[in-house]
Amino acid sequence: MDSITEGDPADEISRIEERLETLAETAERCRKIILVSKAVIAGGFALLLATMLGLFASGQTAALGSIALVLGGIVSLGSNVSTLRQTTDAISAAELLRSDLIGRIDLRVVADSPMKLM
């Protein structure tokens, strides 16, 4: 038997909820890094354009720096997009498992009876 069918479904659902919170934090962090990476790429292109137009006295250093910014931004962007996809897939799988566990819980129907008020 696997651990899901062995334990109490409520405990398993709680563990899945904790995992979902962790995954959501990871996804949010990836989204922020993706945004920063895009800004770095844009900044690198802007610096490269300014260097090519001769707006900086140290043209070669600025050009190399701008190329490094663009390449670093692209690497960071690609890595975090991949991580975000994997995290999103893990969130979907965890939500599906949680729904399945909730569906397995034997819920009792409370009979229609008048409530006693104190």
PDB file of N, CA and C in Angstrom:
ATOM      1  N   MET A   1       0.835  -1.187   0.000  1.00  0.00           N
ATOM      2  CA  MET A   1       0.000   0.000   0.000  1.00  0.00           C
ATOM      3  C   MET A   1       0.878   1.248   0.000  1.00  0.00           C
ATOM      4  N   ASP A   2       0.389   2.275  -0.613  1.00  0.00           N
ATOM      5  CA  ASP A   2       1.144   3.522  -0.578  1.00  0.00           C
ATOM      6  C   ASP A   2       0.730   4.351   0.628  1.00  0.00           C
ATOM      7  N   SER A   3       1.504   5.374   0.895  1.00  0.00           N
ATOM      8  CA  SER A   3       1.280   6.181   2.100  1.00  0.00           C
ATOM      9  C   SER A   3      -0.050   6.922   2.072  1.00  0.00           C
ATOM     10  N   ILE A   4      -0.591   7.161   0.884  1.00  0.00           N
ATOM     11  CA  ILE A   4      -1.841   7.901   0.797  1.00  0.00           C
ATOM     12  C   ILE A   4      -3.006   7.064   1.310  1.00  0.00           C
ATOM     13  N   THR A   5      -3.021   5.778   0.972  1.00  0.00           N
ATOM     14  CA  THR A   5      -4.131   4.941   1.407  1.00  0.00           C
ATOM     15  C   THR A   5      -3.936   4.423   2.818  1.00  0.00           C
ATOM     16  N   GLU A   6      -2.720   4.471   3.335  1.00  0.00           N
ATOM     17  CA  GLU A   6      -2.458   3.990   4.683  1.00  0.00           C
ATOM     18  C   GLU A   6      -2.885   4.984   5.753  1.00  0.00           C
ATOM     19  N   GLY A   7      -2.621   6.265   5.532  1.00  0.00           N
ATOM     20  CA  GLY A   7      -2.847   7.280   6.556  1.00  0.00           C
ATOM     21  C   GLY A   7      -4.263   7.830   6.532  1.00  0.00           C
ATOM     22  N   ASP A   8      -4.500   8.682   7.482  1.00  0.00           N
ATOM     23  CA  ASP A   8      -5.777   9.382   7.570  1.00  0.00           C
ATOM     24  C   ASP A   8      -5.863  10.374   6.415  1.00  0.00           C
ATOM     25  N   PRO A   9      -6.947  10.347   5.643  1.00  0.00           N
ATOM     26  CA  PRO A   9      -7.062  11.275   4.505  1.00  0.00           C
ATOM     27  C   PRO A   9      -6.939  12.741   4.916  1.00  0.00           C
ATOM     28  N   ALA A  10      -7.441  13.085   6.092  1.00  0.00           N
ATOM     29  CA  ALA A  10      -7.350  14.485   6.542  1.00  0.00           C
ATOM     30  C   ALA A  10      -5.889  14.891   6.739  1.00  0.00           C
ATOM     31  N   ASP A  11      -5.076  13.964   7.280  1.00  0.00           N
ATOM     32  CA  ASP A  11      -3.644  14.257   7.449  1.00  0.00           C
ATOM     33  C   ASP A  11      -2.951  14.400   6.100  1.00  0.00           C
ATOM     34  N   GLU A  12      -3.307  13.518   5.183  1.00  0.00           N
ATOM     35  CA  GLU A  12      -2.718  13.591   3.849  1.00  0.00           C
ATOM     36  C   GLU A  12      -3.109  14.888   3.155  1.00  0.00           C
ATOM     37  N   ILE A  13      -4.361  15.281   3.301  1.00  0.00           N
ATOM     38  CA  ILE A  13      -4.829  16.530   2.693  1.00  0.00           C
ATOM     39  C   ILE A  13      -4.076  17.712   3.296  1.00  0.00           C
ATOM     40  N   SER A  14      -3.826  17.670   4.602  1.00  0.00           N
ATOM     41  CA  SER A  14      -3.062  18.748   5.249  1.00  0.00           C
ATOM     42  C   SER A  14      -1.644  18.814   4.702  1.00  0.00           C
ATOM     43  N   ARG A  15      -1.019  17.658   4.499  1.00  0.00           N
ATOM     44  CA  ARG A  15       0.342  17.629   3.946  1.00  0.00           C
ATOM     45  C   ARG A  15       0.346  18.174   2.510  1.00  0.00           C
ATOM     46  N   ILE A  16      -0.672  17.811   1.758  1.00  0.00           N
ATOM     47  CA  ILE A  16      -0.758  18.314   0.387  1.00  0.00           C
ATOM     48  C   ILE A  16      -0.960  19.824   0.385  1.00  0.00           C
ATOM     49  N   GLU A  17      -1.781  20.337   1.305  1.00  0.00           N
ATOM     50  CA  GLU A  17      -1.988  21.791   1.416  1.00  0.00           C
ATOM     51  C   GLU A  17      -0.672  22.499   1.719  1.00  0.00           C
ATOM     52  N   GLU A  18       0.138  21.943   2.608  1.00  0.00           N
ATOM     53  CA  GLU A  18       1.443  22.533   2.930  1.00  0.00           C
ATOM     54  C   GLU A  18       2.334  22.530   1.695  1.00  0.00           C
ATOM     55  N   ARG A  19       2.309  21.414   0.960  1.00  0.00           N
ATOM     56  CA  ARG A  19       3.110  21.304  -0.262  1.00  0.00           C
ATOM     57  C   ARG A  19       2.641  22.335  -1.292  1.00  0.00           C
ATOM     58  N   LEU A  20       1.328  22.514  -1.403  1.00  0.00           N
ATOM     59  CA  LEU A  20       0.797  23.500  -2.342  1.00  0.00           C
ATOM     60  C   LEU A  20       1.238  24.915  -1.984  1.00  0.00           C
ATOM     61  N   GLU A  21       1.282  25.225  -0.700  1.00  0.00           N
ATOM     62  CA  GLU A  21       1.745  26.554  -0.272  1.00  0.00           C
ATOM     63  C   GLU A  21       3.208  26.760  -0.659  1.00  0.00           C
ATOM     64  N   THR A  22       4.021  25.733  -0.443  1.00  0.00           N
ATOM     65  CA  THR A  22       5.439  25.816  -0.796  1.00  0.00           C
ATOM     66  C   THR A  22       5.606  25.992  -2.302  1.00  0.00           C
ATOM     67  N   LEU A  23       4.849  25.218  -3.064  1.00  0.00           N
ATOM     68  CA  LEU A  23       4.927  25.328  -4.522  1.00  0.00           C
ATOM     69  C   LEU A  23       4.455  26.693  -5.007  1.00  0.00           C
ATOM     70  N   ALA A  24       3.417  27.234  -4.383  1.00  0.00           N
ATOM     71  CA  ALA A  24       2.924  28.563  -4.763  1.00  0.00           C
ATOM     72  C   ALA A  24       3.983  29.632  -4.501  1.00  0.00           C
ATOM     73  N   GLU A  25       4.702  29.505  -3.381  1.00  0.00           N
ATOM     74  CA  GLU A  25       5.785  30.453  -3.084  1.00  0.00           C
ATOM     75  C   GLU A  25       6.894  30.344  -4.117  1.00  0.00           C
ATOM     76  N   THR A  26       7.223  29.116  -4.510  1.00  0.00           N
ATOM     77  CA  THR A  26       8.247  28.907  -5.530  1.00  0.00           C
ATOM     78  C   THR A  26       7.817  29.517  -6.855  1.00  0.00           C
ATOM     79  N   ALA A  27       6.573  29.303  -7.223  1.00  0.00           N
ATOM     80  CA  ALA A  27       6.061  29.861  -8.483  1.00  0.00           C
ATOM     81  C   ALA A  27       6.104  31.387  -8.468  1.00  0.00           C
ATOM     82  N   GLU A  28       5.722  31.977  -7.348  1.00  0.00           N
ATOM     83  CA  GLU A  28       5.746  33.442  -7.242  1.00  0.00           C
ATOM     84  C   GLU A  28       7.177  33.980  -7.335  1.00  0.00           C
ATOM     85  N   ARG A  29       8.110  33.289  -6.694  1.00  0.00           N
ATOM     86  CA  ARG A  29       9.514  33.696  -6.761  1.00  0.00           C
ATOM     87  C   ARG A  29      10.015  33.609  -8.207  1.00  0.00           C
ATOM     88  N   CYS A  30       9.634  32.555  -8.928  1.00  0.00           N
ATOM     89  CA  CYS A  30      10.029  32.414 -10.330  1.00  0.00           C
ATOM     90  C   CYS A  30       9.458  33.548 -11.174  1.00  0.00           C
ATOM     91  N   ARG A  31       8.205  33.894 -10.924  1.00  0.00           N
ATOM     92  CA  ARG A  31       7.580  34.990 -11.683  1.00  0.00           C
ATOM     93  C   ARG A  31       8.329  36.307 -11.467  1.00  0.00           C
ATOM     94  N   LYS A  32       8.739  36.555 -10.229  1.00  0.00           N
ATOM     95  CA  LYS A  32       9.483  37.785  -9.933  1.00  0.00           C
ATOM     96  C   LYS A  32      10.833  37.785 -10.636  1.00  0.00           C
ATOM     97  N   ILE A  33      11.532  36.640 -10.596  1.00  0.00           N
ATOM     98  CA  ILE A  33      12.845  36.549 -11.242  1.00  0.00           C
ATOM     99  C   ILE A  33      12.700  36.683 -12.753  1.00  0.00           C
ATOM    100  N   ILE A  34      11.635  36.119 -13.311  1.00  0.00           N
ATOM    101  CA  ILE A  34      11.380  36.247 -14.753  1.00  0.00           C
ATOM    102  C   ILE A  34      11.199  37.723 -15.119  1.00  0.00           C
ATOM    103  N   LEU A  35      10.458  38.452 -14.308  1.00  0.00           N
ATOM    104  CA  LEU A  35      10.246  39.872 -14.557  1.00  0.00           C
ATOM    105  C   LEU A  35      11.569  40.645 -14.499  1.00  0.00           C
ATOM    106  N   VAL A  36      12.380  40.354 -13.493  1.00  0.00           N
ATOM    107  CA  VAL A  36      13.681  41.016 -13.365  1.00  0.00           C
ATOM    108  C   VAL A  36      14.580  40.640 -14.545  1.00  0.00           C
ATOM    109  N   SER A  37      14.544  39.375 -14.955  1.00  0.00           N
ATOM    110  CA  SER A  37      15.365  38.932 -16.087  1.00  0.00           C
ATOM    111  C   SER A  37      14.992  39.691 -17.359  1.00  0.00           C
ATOM    112  N   LYS A  38      13.706  39.880 -17.576  1.00  0.00           N
ATOM    113  CA  LYS A  38      13.267  40.634 -18.752  1.00  0.00           C
ATOM    114  C   LYS A  38      13.752  42.077 -18.690  1.00  0.00           C
ATOM    115  N   ALA A  39      13.727  42.653 -17.486  1.00  0.00           N
ATOM    116  CA  ALA A  39      14.208  44.028 -17.319  1.00  0.00           C
ATOM    117  C   ALA A  39      15.712  44.109 -17.578  1.00  0.00           C
ATOM    118  N   VAL A  40      16.451  43.097 -17.111  1.00  0.00           N
ATOM    119  CA  VAL A  40      17.903  43.067 -17.332  1.00  0.00           C
ATOM    120  C   VAL A  40      18.206  42.944 -18.824  1.00  0.00           C
ATOM    121  N   ILE A  41      17.469  42.095 -19.523  1.00  0.00           N
ATOM    122  CA  ILE A  41      17.670  41.947 -20.971  1.00  0.00           C
ATOM    123  C   ILE A  41      17.396  43.279 -21.677  1.00  0.00           C
ATOM    124  N   ALA A  42      16.303  43.934 -21.324  1.00  0.00           N
ATOM    125  CA  ALA A  42      15.972  45.224 -21.939  1.00  0.00           C
ATOM    126  C   ALA A  42      17.046  46.262 -21.622  1.00  0.00           C
ATOM    127  N   GLY A  43      17.509  46.269 -20.372  1.00  0.00           N
ATOM    128  CA  GLY A  43      18.568  47.208 -19.991  1.00  0.00           C
ATOM    129  C   GLY A  43      19.857  46.940 -20.741  1.00  0.00           C
ATOM    130  N   GLY A  44      20.178  45.665 -20.927  1.00  0.00           N
ATOM    131  CA  GLY A  44      21.381  45.303 -21.683  1.00  0.00           C
ATOM    132  C   GLY A  44      21.292  45.752 -23.120  1.00  0.00           C
ATOM    133  N   PHE A  45      20.119  45.558 -23.736  1.00  0.00           N
ATOM    134  CA  PHE A  45      19.937  46.030 -25.112  1.00  0.00           C
ATOM    135  C   PHE A  45      20.029  47.547 -25.190  1.00  0.00           C
ATOM    136  N   ALA A  46      19.439  48.232 -24.223  1.00  0.00           N
ATOM    137  CA  ALA A  46      19.498  49.699 -24.224  1.00  0.00           C
ATOM    138  C   ALA A  46      20.944  50.184 -24.081  1.00  0.00           C
ATOM    139  N   LEU A  47      21.690  49.533 -23.199  1.00  0.00           N
ATOM    140  CA  LEU A  47      23.095  49.907 -23.017  1.00  0.00           C
ATOM    141  C   LEU A  47      23.906  49.614 -24.275  1.00  0.00           C
ATOM    142  N   LEU A  48      23.624  48.490 -24.916  1.00  0.00           N
ATOM    143  CA  LEU A  48      24.329  48.152 -26.155  1.00  0.00           C
ATOM    144  C   LEU A  48      24.018  49.173 -27.244  1.00  0.00           C
ATOM    145  N   LEU A  49      22.752  49.560 -27.338  1.00  0.00           N
ATOM    146  CA  LEU A  49      22.368  50.567 -28.330  1.00  0.00           C
ATOM    147  C   LEU A  49      23.051  51.903 -28.038  1.00  0.00           C
ATOM    148  N   ALA A  50      23.077  52.293 -26.772  1.00  0.00           N
ATOM    149  CA  ALA A  50      23.733  53.553 -26.400  1.00  0.00           C
ATOM    150  C   ALA A  50      25.225  53.495 -26.697  1.00  0.00           C
ATOM    151  N   THR A  51      25.816  52.347 -26.487  1.00  0.00           N
ATOM    152  CA  THR A  51      27.247  52.186 -26.773  1.00  0.00           C
ATOM    153  C   THR A  51      27.507  52.265 -28.266  1.00  0.00           C
ATOM    154  N   MET A  52      26.630  51.623 -29.047  1.00  0.00           N
ATOM    155  CA  MET A  52      26.814  51.640 -30.496  1.00  0.00           C
ATOM    156  C   MET A  52      26.634  53.048 -31.067  1.00  0.00           C
ATOM    157  N   LEU A  53      25.791  53.848 -30.408  1.00  0.00           N
ATOM    158  CA  LEU A  53      25.597  55.227 -30.861  1.00  0.00           C
ATOM    159  C   LEU A  53      26.690  56.162 -30.359  1.00  0.00           C
ATOM    160  N   GLY A  54      27.602  55.633 -29.559  1.00  0.00           N
ATOM    161  CA  GLY A  54      28.730  56.417 -29.084  1.00  0.00           C
ATOM    162  C   GLY A  54      28.413  57.320 -27.910  1.00  0.00           C
ATOM    163  N   LEU A  55      27.414  56.985 -27.122  1.00  0.00           N
ATOM    164  CA  LEU A  55      27.045  57.827 -25.985  1.00  0.00           C
ATOM    165  C   LEU A  55      27.954  57.604 -24.768  1.00  0.00           C
ATOM    166  N   PHE A  56      28.764  56.543 -24.795  1.00  0.00           N
ATOM    167  CA  PHE A  56      29.697  56.277 -23.693  1.00  0.00           C
ATOM    168  C   PHE A  56      31.119  56.359 -24.209  1.00  0.00           C
ATOM    169  N   ALA A  57      31.990  56.937 -23.386  1.00  0.00           N
ATOM    170  CA  ALA A  57      33.394  57.089 -23.777  1.00  0.00           C
ATOM    171  C   ALA A  57      34.094  55.737 -23.818  1.00  0.00           C
ATOM    172  N   SER A  58      33.801  54.861 -22.885  1.00  0.00           N
ATOM    173  CA  SER A  58      34.447  53.541 -22.850  1.00  0.00           C
ATOM    174  C   SER A  58      33.564  52.548 -23.598  1.00  0.00           C
ATOM    175  N   GLY A  59      33.584  52.612 -24.908  1.00  0.00           N
ATOM    176  CA  GLY A  59      32.692  51.843 -25.756  1.00  0.00           C
ATOM    177  C   GLY A  59      32.844  50.343 -25.633  1.00  0.00           C
ATOM    178  N   GLN A  60      34.079  49.839 -25.615  1.00  0.00           N
ATOM    179  CA  GLN A  60      34.293  48.400 -25.588  1.00  0.00           C
ATOM    180  C   GLN A  60      33.848  47.798 -24.256  1.00  0.00           C
ATOM    181  N   THR A  61      34.164  48.459 -23.166  1.00  0.00           N
ATOM    182  CA  THR A  61      33.784  47.953 -21.850  1.00  0.00           C
ATOM    183  C   THR A  61      32.267  47.950 -21.694  1.00  0.00           C
ATOM    184  N   ALA A  62      31.633  49.002 -22.096  1.00  0.00           N
ATOM    185  CA  ALA A  62      30.175  49.082 -22.010  1.00  0.00           C
ATOM    186  C   ALA A  62      29.513  48.059 -22.930  1.00  0.00           C
ATOM    187  N   ALA A  63      30.088  47.854 -24.108  1.00  0.00           N
ATOM    188  CA  ALA A  63      29.531  46.878 -25.044  1.00  0.00           C
ATOM    189  C   ALA A  63      29.622  45.467 -24.461  1.00  0.00           C
ATOM    190  N   LEU A  64      30.776  45.133 -23.896  1.00  0.00           N
ATOM    191  CA  LEU A  64      30.935  43.809 -23.277  1.00  0.00           C
ATOM    192  C   LEU A  64      30.003  43.648 -22.077  1.00  0.00           C
ATOM    193  N   GLY A  65      29.873  44.711 -21.301  1.00  0.00           N
ATOM    194  CA  GLY A  65      28.969  44.664 -20.148  1.00  0.00           C
ATOM    195  C   GLY A  65      27.527  44.475 -20.574  1.00  0.00           C
ATOM    196  N   SER A  66      27.134  45.162 -21.632  1.00  0.00           N
ATOM    197  CA  SER A  66      25.754  45.032 -22.109  1.00  0.00           C
ATOM    198  C   SER A  66      25.492  43.644 -22.671  1.00  0.00           C
ATOM    199  N   ILE A  67      26.460  43.076 -23.356  1.00  0.00           N
ATOM    200  CA  ILE A  67      26.314  41.711 -23.877  1.00  0.00           C
ATOM    201  C   ILE A  67      26.215  40.722 -22.720  1.00  0.00           C
ATOM    202  N   ALA A  68      27.015  40.940 -21.686  1.00  0.00           N
ATOM    203  CA  ALA A  68      26.944  40.068 -20.506  1.00  0.00           C
ATOM    204  C   ALA A  68      25.576  40.177 -19.829  1.00  0.00           C
ATOM    205  N   LEU A  69      25.039  41.390 -19.753  1.00  0.00           N
ATOM    206  CA  LEU A  69      23.704  41.572 -19.170  1.00  0.00           C
ATOM    207  C   LEU A  69      22.631  40.823 -19.969  1.00  0.00           C
ATOM    208  N   VAL A  70      22.700  40.959 -21.277  1.00  0.00           N
ATOM    209  CA  VAL A  70      21.711  40.301 -22.128  1.00  0.00           C
ATOM    210  C   VAL A  70      21.810  38.787 -21.986  1.00  0.00           C
ATOM    211  N   LEU A  71      23.024  38.253 -22.066  1.00  0.00           N
ATOM    212  CA  LEU A  71      23.195  36.800 -21.963  1.00  0.00           C
ATOM    213  C   LEU A  71      22.796  36.282 -20.582  1.00  0.00           C
ATOM    214  N   GLY A  72      23.191  36.990 -19.539  1.00  0.00           N
ATOM    215  CA  GLY A  72      22.813  36.582 -18.181  1.00  0.00           C
ATOM    216  C   GLY A  72      21.306  36.624 -17.987  1.00  0.00           C
ATOM    217  N   GLY A  73      20.670  37.642 -18.532  1.00  0.00           N
ATOM    218  CA  GLY A  73      19.219  37.744 -18.445  1.00  0.00           C
ATOM    219  C   GLY A  73      18.520  36.614 -19.184  1.00  0.00           C
ATOM    220  N   ILE A  74      19.045  36.246 -20.344  1.00  0.00           N
ATOM    221  CA  ILE A  74      18.460  35.157 -21.124  1.00  0.00           C
ATOM    222  C   ILE A  74      18.590  33.827 -20.378  1.00  0.00           C
ATOM    223  N   VAL A  75      19.759  33.576 -19.804  1.00  0.00           N
ATOM    224  CA  VAL A  75      19.964  32.337 -19.051  1.00  0.00           C
ATOM    225  C   VAL A  75      19.030  32.289 -17.851  1.00  0.00           C
ATOM    226  N   SER A  76      18.952  33.373 -17.109  1.00  0.00           N
ATOM    227  CA  SER A  76      18.075  33.436 -15.936  1.00  0.00           C
ATOM    228  C   SER A  76      16.613  33.271 -16.336  1.00  0.00           C
ATOM    229  N   LEU A  77      16.222  33.916 -17.414  1.00  0.00           N
ATOM    230  CA  LEU A  77      14.848  33.817 -17.903  1.00  0.00           C
ATOM    231  C   LEU A  77      14.502  32.375 -18.275  1.00  0.00           C
ATOM    232  N   GLY A  78      15.363  31.745 -19.040  1.00  0.00           N
ATOM    233  CA  GLY A  78      15.115  30.373 -19.466  1.00  0.00           C
ATOM    234  C   GLY A  78      15.041  29.402 -18.311  1.00  0.00           C
ATOM    235  N   SER A  79      15.944  29.552 -17.371  1.00  0.00           N
ATOM    236  CA  SER A  79      15.966  28.668 -16.207  1.00  0.00           C
ATOM    237  C   SER A  79      14.705  28.809 -15.379  1.00  0.00           C
ATOM    238  N   ASN A  80      14.284  30.031 -15.152  1.00  0.00           N
ATOM    239  CA  ASN A  80      13.109  30.257 -14.305  1.00  0.00           C
ATOM    240  C   ASN A  80      11.804  29.947 -15.016  1.00  0.00           C
ATOM    241  N   VAL A  81      11.741  30.101 -16.319  1.00  0.00           N
ATOM    242  CA  VAL A  81      10.547  29.693 -17.063  1.00  0.00           C
ATOM    243  C   VAL A  81      10.398  28.179 -16.960  1.00  0.00           C
ATOM    244  N   SER A  82      11.505  27.460 -17.090  1.00  0.00           N
ATOM    245  CA  SER A  82      11.479  26.004 -16.960  1.00  0.00           C
ATOM    246  C   SER A  82      11.048  25.580 -15.557  1.00  0.00           C
ATOM    247  N   THR A  83      11.606  26.219 -14.551  1.00  0.00           N
ATOM    248  CA  THR A  83      11.241  25.904 -13.163  1.00  0.00           C
ATOM    249  C   THR A  83       9.779  26.235 -12.908  1.00  0.00           C
ATOM    250  N   LEU A  84       9.302  27.337 -13.454  1.00  0.00           N
ATOM    251  CA  LEU A  84       7.894  27.714 -13.283  1.00  0.00           C
ATOM    252  C   LEU A  84       6.972  26.682 -13.918  1.00  0.00           C
ATOM    253  N   ARG A  85       7.332  26.188 -15.088  1.00  0.00           N
ATOM    254  CA  ARG A  85       6.518  25.145 -15.738  1.00  0.00           C
ATOM    255  C   ARG A  85       6.466  23.886 -14.883  1.00  0.00           C
ATOM    256  N   GLN A  86       7.623  23.467 -14.379  1.00  0.00           N
ATOM    257  CA  GLN A  86       7.671  22.267 -13.537  1.00  0.00           C
ATOM    258  C   GLN A  86       6.859  22.472 -12.260  1.00  0.00           C
ATOM    259  N   THR A  87       6.962  23.643 -11.678  1.00  0.00           N
ATOM    260  CA  THR A  87       6.223  23.946 -10.451  1.00  0.00           C
ATOM    261  C   THR A  87       4.725  23.967 -10.723  1.00  0.00           C
ATOM    262  N   THR A  88       4.325  24.547 -11.838  1.00  0.00           N
ATOM    263  CA  THR A  88       2.913  24.584 -12.203  1.00  0.00           C
ATOM    264  C   THR A  88       2.371  23.168 -12.416  1.00  0.00           C
ATOM    265  N   ASP A  89       3.167  22.315 -13.048  1.00  0.00           N
ATOM    266  CA  ASP A  89       2.766  20.920 -13.232  1.00  0.00           C
ATOM    267  C   ASP A  89       2.623  20.213 -11.888  1.00  0.00           C
ATOM    268  N   ALA A  90       3.557  20.478 -10.971  1.00  0.00           N
ATOM    269  CA  ALA A  90       3.494  19.867  -9.638  1.00  0.00           C
ATOM    270  C   ALA A  90       2.271  20.363  -8.865  1.00  0.00           C
ATOM    271  N   ILE A  91       1.935  21.637  -9.017  1.00  0.00           N
ATOM    272  CA  ILE A  91       0.737  22.183  -8.367  1.00  0.00           C
ATOM    273  C   ILE A  91      -0.510  21.487  -8.901  1.00  0.00           C
ATOM    274  N   SER A  92      -0.584  21.313 -10.210  1.00  0.00           N
ATOM    275  CA  SER A  92      -1.739  20.640 -10.809  1.00  0.00           C
ATOM    276  C   SER A  92      -1.866  19.206 -10.307  1.00  0.00           C
ATOM    277  N   ALA A  93      -0.746  18.502 -10.226  1.00  0.00           N
ATOM    278  CA  ALA A  93      -0.768  17.116  -9.746  1.00  0.00           C
ATOM    279  C   ALA A  93      -1.194  17.053  -8.278  1.00  0.00           C
ATOM    280  N   ALA A  94      -0.692  17.968  -7.469  1.00  0.00           N
ATOM    281  CA  ALA A  94      -1.048  17.987  -6.047  1.00  0.00           C
ATOM    282  C   ALA A  94      -2.525  18.328  -5.858  1.00  0.00           C
ATOM    283  N   GLU A  95      -3.036  19.254  -6.654  1.00  0.00           N
ATOM    284  CA  GLU A  95      -4.458  19.609  -6.557  1.00  0.00           C
ATOM    285  C   GLU A  95      -5.341  18.436  -6.976  1.00  0.00           C
ATOM    286  N   LEU A  96      -4.912  17.701  -7.997  1.00  0.00           N
ATOM    287  CA  LEU A  96      -5.654  16.525  -8.434  1.00  0.00           C
ATOM    288  C   LEU A  96      -5.669  15.455  -7.339  1.00  0.00           C
ATOM    289  N   LEU A  97      -4.518  15.233  -6.718  1.00  0.00           N
ATOM    290  CA  LEU A  97      -4.422  14.270  -5.624  1.00  0.00           C
ATOM    291  C   LEU A  97      -5.289  14.698  -4.444  1.00  0.00           C
ATOM    292  N   ARG A  98      -5.259  15.982  -4.126  1.00  0.00           N
ATOM    293  CA  ARG A  98      -6.083  16.501  -3.034  1.00  0.00           C
ATOM    294  C   ARG A  98      -7.565  16.293  -3.331  1.00  0.00           C
ATOM    295  N   SER A  99      -7.975  16.572  -4.554  1.00  0.00           N
ATOM    296  CA  SER A  99      -9.374  16.367  -4.940  1.00  0.00           C
ATOM    297  C   SER A  99      -9.759  14.898  -4.838  1.00  0.00           C
ATOM    298  N   ASP A 100      -8.854  14.021  -5.251  1.00  0.00           N
ATOM    299  CA  ASP A 100      -9.120  12.591  -5.163  1.00  0.00           C
ATOM    300  C   ASP A 100      -9.282  12.156  -3.704  1.00  0.00           C
ATOM    301  N   LEU A 101      -8.409  12.657  -2.835  1.00  0.00           N
ATOM    302  CA  LEU A 101      -8.506  12.315  -1.405  1.00  0.00           C
ATOM    303  C   LEU A 101      -9.794  12.851  -0.790  1.00  0.00           C
ATOM    304  N   ILE A 102     -10.165  14.047  -1.159  1.00  0.00           N
ATOM    305  CA  ILE A 102     -11.414  14.624  -0.640  1.00  0.00           C
ATOM    306  C   ILE A 102     -12.596  13.779  -1.115  1.00  0.00           C
ATOM    307  N   GLY A 103     -12.534  13.302  -2.351  1.00  0.00           N
ATOM    308  CA  GLY A 103     -13.599  12.467  -2.884  1.00  0.00           C
ATOM    309  C   GLY A 103     -13.709  11.119  -2.177  1.00  0.00           C
ATOM    310  N   ARG A 104     -12.596  10.642  -1.621  1.00  0.00           N
ATOM    311  CA  ARG A 104     -12.596   9.351  -0.923  1.00  0.00           C
ATOM    312  C   ARG A 104     -13.144   9.430   0.496  1.00  0.00           C
ATOM    313  N   ILE A 105     -13.207  10.617   1.044  1.00  0.00           N
ATOM    314  CA  ILE A 105     -13.668  10.752   2.423  1.00  0.00           C
ATOM    315  C   ILE A 105     -15.145  10.369   2.492  1.00  0.00           C
ATOM    316  N   ASP A 106     -15.459   9.513   3.441  1.00  0.00           N
ATOM    317  CA  ASP A 106     -16.838   9.059   3.622  1.00  0.00           C
ATOM    318  C   ASP A 106     -17.576  10.102   4.456  1.00  0.00           C
ATOM    319  N   LEU A 107     -18.269  10.977   3.760  1.00  0.00           N
ATOM    320  CA  LEU A 107     -18.998  12.037   4.447  1.00  0.00           C
ATOM    321  C   LEU A 107     -20.361  11.519   4.890  1.00  0.00           C
ATOM    322  N   ARG A 108     -20.756  11.913   6.065  1.00  0.00           N
ATOM    323  CA  ARG A 108     -22.066  11.517   6.581  1.00  0.00           C
ATOM    324  C   ARG A 108     -23.046  12.660   6.368  1.00  0.00           C
ATOM    325  N   VAL A 109     -24.235  12.295   5.987  1.00  0.00           N
ATOM    326  CA  VAL A 109     -25.281  13.282   5.781  1.00  0.00           C
ATOM    327  C   VAL A 109     -26.002  13.469   7.103  1.00  0.00           C
ATOM    328  N   VAL A 110     -26.131  14.691   7.509  1.00  0.00           N
ATOM    329  CA  VAL A 110     -26.835  14.996   8.748  1.00  0.00           C
ATOM    330  C   VAL A 110     -28.324  15.024   8.427  1.00  0.00           C
ATOM    331  N   ALA A 111     -29.081  14.272   9.200  1.00  0.00           N
ATOM    332  CA  ALA A 111     -30.526  14.183   8.958  1.00  0.00           C
ATOM    333  C   ALA A 111     -31.177  15.541   9.181  1.00  0.00           C
ATOM    334  N   ASP A 112     -32.241  15.747   8.457  1.00  0.00           N
ATOM    335  CA  ASP A 112     -32.986  16.998   8.633  1.00  0.00           C
ATOM    336  C   ASP A 112     -33.727  16.951   9.972  1.00  0.00           C
ATOM    337  N   SER A 113     -33.263  17.703  10.885  1.00  0.00           N
ATOM    338  CA  SER A 113     -33.926  17.777  12.181  1.00  0.00           C
ATOM    339  C   SER A 113     -33.839  19.200  12.676  1.00  0.00           C
ATOM    340  N   PRO A 114     -34.808  19.621  13.423  1.00  0.00           N
ATOM    341  CA  PRO A 114     -34.754  21.001  13.907  1.00  0.00           C
ATOM    342  C   PRO A 114     -33.571  21.182  14.851  1.00  0.00           C
ATOM    343  N   MET A 115     -32.952  22.318  14.739  1.00  0.00           N
ATOM    344  CA  MET A 115     -31.808  22.614  15.613  1.00  0.00           C
ATOM    345  C   MET A 115     -32.328  23.121  16.946  1.00  0.00           C
ATOM    346  N   LYS A 116     -31.650  22.695  17.976  1.00  0.00           N
ATOM    347  CA  LYS A 116     -32.026  23.146  19.313  1.00  0.00           C
ATOM    348  C   LYS A 116     -31.275  24.452  19.600  1.00  0.00           C
ATOM    349  N   LEU A 117     -31.980  25.441  19.974  1.00  0.00           N
ATOM    350  CA  LEU A 117     -31.368  26.710  20.324  1.00  0.00           C
ATOM    351  C   LEU A 117     -31.311  26.816  21.844  1.00  0.00           C
ATOM    352  N   MET A 118     -30.260  27.302  22.329  1.00  0.00           N
ATOM    353  CA  MET A 118     -30.098  27.427  23.777  1.00  0.00           C
ATOM    354  C   MET A 118     -30.603  28.726  24.267  1.00  0.00           C
TER     355      MET A 118
END
